């Protein structure tokens, strides 16, 4: 179970970083979201991965650490707010600049292909 969990965290992080390096704003927003999911899963795993333990302190002696759960819940709320802010910022940049490239300039290859058609 731990290996599958680690692979999922790695895939989410790698896909997030890959999408962050794109030139358009929508893949950057999706990349930020995937990266935050990967970080949240990593933080959650610091509280021990045990499928038979209670998620919160209960009557049993075997339980998961509640601190990472609280951190992840806080990070999820902050992540939603930051995603909404970035989406609004991208929409504003698209309206002001007329394109959705992160630096506001259309690459020359795109301009050349548009001129040919």
Protein backbone atom coordinates (compact mmCIF):
# COMPACT_ATOMS: atom_id res chain seq x y z
CA UNK A 1 0.00 0.00 0.00
CA UNK A 2 2.86 2.37 0.82
CA UNK A 3 4.50 1.82 -2.57
CA UNK A 4 1.29 2.57 -4.44
CA UNK A 5 0.75 5.65 -2.29
CA UNK A 6 4.29 6.87 -2.97
CA UNK A 7 3.85 6.30 -6.72
CA UNK A 8 0.62 8.31 -6.67
CA UNK A 9 2.32 11.19 -4.84
CA UNK A 10 5.22 11.06 -7.28
CA UNK A 11 2.99 10.99 -10.35
CA UNK A 12 0.91 13.90 -9.08
CA UNK A 13 4.02 15.92 -8.29
CA UNK A 14 5.70 15.13 -11.61
CA UNK A 15 2.58 15.95 -13.61
CA UNK A 16 2.15 19.17 -11.63
CA UNK A 17 5.71 20.29 -12.28
CA UNK A 18 5.43 19.33 -15.96
CA UNK A 19 2.26 21.37 -16.37
CA UNK A 20 3.74 24.32 -14.43
CA UNK A 21 6.43 24.60 -17.09
CA UNK A 22 3.90 25.07 -19.91
CA UNK A 23 3.49 28.42 -21.63
CA UNK A 24 -0.25 28.86 -21.26
CA UNK A 25 -2.18 29.78 -18.17
CA UNK A 26 -4.70 26.90 -18.02
CA UNK A 27 -2.03 24.15 -17.81
CA UNK A 28 -0.27 26.24 -15.16
CA UNK A 29 -3.45 26.39 -13.08
CA UNK A 30 -4.00 22.63 -13.45
CA UNK A 31 -0.32 22.04 -12.61
CA UNK A 32 -0.62 24.10 -9.43
CA UNK A 33 -3.69 22.10 -8.47
CA UNK A 34 -1.99 18.74 -9.09
CA UNK A 35 1.10 19.86 -7.20
CA UNK A 36 -1.01 20.93 -4.23
CA UNK A 37 -2.76 17.53 -4.26
CA UNK A 38 0.63 15.80 -4.24
CA UNK A 39 1.85 17.93 -1.35
CA UNK A 40 -1.39 17.31 0.57
CA UNK A 41 -1.05 13.55 0.13
CA UNK A 42 2.56 13.74 1.26
CA UNK A 43 1.57 15.73 4.35
CA UNK A 44 -1.21 13.24 5.05
CA UNK A 45 1.23 10.35 4.86
CA UNK A 46 3.37 11.86 7.61
CA UNK A 47 0.66 10.84 10.08
CA UNK A 48 1.29 7.13 9.38
CA UNK A 49 -0.50 5.09 6.78
CA UNK A 50 -2.57 2.49 8.55
CA UNK A 51 -5.87 1.31 7.15
CA UNK A 52 -7.03 -0.25 10.41
CA UNK A 53 -6.37 2.75 12.66
CA UNK A 54 -8.99 5.32 13.51
CA UNK A 55 -8.69 8.62 11.66
CA UNK A 56 -9.21 10.59 14.86
CA UNK A 57 -8.54 9.67 18.48
CA UNK A 58 -11.06 7.04 19.47
CA UNK A 59 -11.49 4.33 22.02
CA UNK A 60 -8.73 2.16 20.54
CA UNK A 61 -5.06 2.56 21.29
CA UNK A 62 -4.04 2.47 17.61
CA UNK A 63 -4.80 5.79 15.93
CA UNK A 64 -3.43 8.08 13.27
CA UNK A 65 -1.80 11.40 14.10
CA UNK A 66 -4.47 14.13 13.81
CA UNK A 67 -1.99 16.98 13.21
CA UNK A 68 -1.27 16.11 9.54
CA UNK A 69 -5.00 15.74 8.97
CA UNK A 70 -5.59 19.24 10.31
CA UNK A 71 -2.73 20.59 8.20
CA UNK A 72 -4.13 18.96 5.06
CA UNK A 73 -7.63 20.29 5.70
CA UNK A 74 -6.20 23.78 6.11
CA UNK A 75 -4.09 23.37 2.98
CA UNK A 76 -7.14 22.23 0.99
CA UNK A 77 -9.05 25.38 1.94
CA UNK A 78 -6.10 27.63 1.15
CA UNK A 79 -5.55 25.71 -2.11
CA UNK A 80 -9.12 26.34 -3.25
CA UNK A 81 -8.75 30.05 -2.52
CA UNK A 82 -5.43 30.27 -4.36
CA UNK A 83 -6.81 28.36 -7.34
CA UNK A 84 -9.78 30.72 -7.56
CA UNK A 85 -7.43 33.71 -7.35
CA UNK A 86 -5.14 32.35 -10.08
CA UNK A 87 -8.11 31.57 -12.36
CA UNK A 88 -9.44 35.12 -11.97
CA UNK A 89 -5.94 36.51 -12.55
CA UNK A 90 -5.58 34.39 -15.71
CA UNK A 91 -8.97 35.52 -16.99
CA UNK A 92 -8.01 39.16 -16.39
CA UNK A 93 -4.68 38.69 -18.18
CA UNK A 94 -6.49 37.02 -21.08
CA UNK A 95 -8.87 39.96 -21.34
CA UNK A 96 -6.17 42.61 -21.09
CA UNK A 97 -3.49 40.99 -23.26
CA UNK A 98 -5.64 39.13 -25.77
CA UNK A 99 -3.83 35.82 -25.29
CA UNK A 100 -3.32 33.25 -22.55
CA UNK A 101 0.45 32.97 -22.51
CA UNK A 102 2.05 33.36 -19.12
CA UNK A 103 4.45 36.08 -20.23
CA UNK A 104 1.83 37.89 -22.32
CA UNK A 105 3.70 37.39 -25.59
CA UNK A 106 2.68 34.97 -28.31
CA UNK A 107 5.62 32.77 -29.42
CA UNK A 108 6.92 33.38 -32.93
CA UNK A 109 6.12 29.85 -34.08
CA UNK A 110 2.43 30.39 -33.32
CA UNK A 111 2.42 33.71 -35.19
CA UNK A 112 4.10 32.13 -38.24
CA UNK A 113 1.62 29.25 -38.38
CA UNK A 114 -1.31 31.65 -38.07
CA UNK A 115 0.05 33.78 -40.93
CA UNK A 116 0.31 30.72 -43.21
CA UNK A 117 -3.31 29.73 -42.70
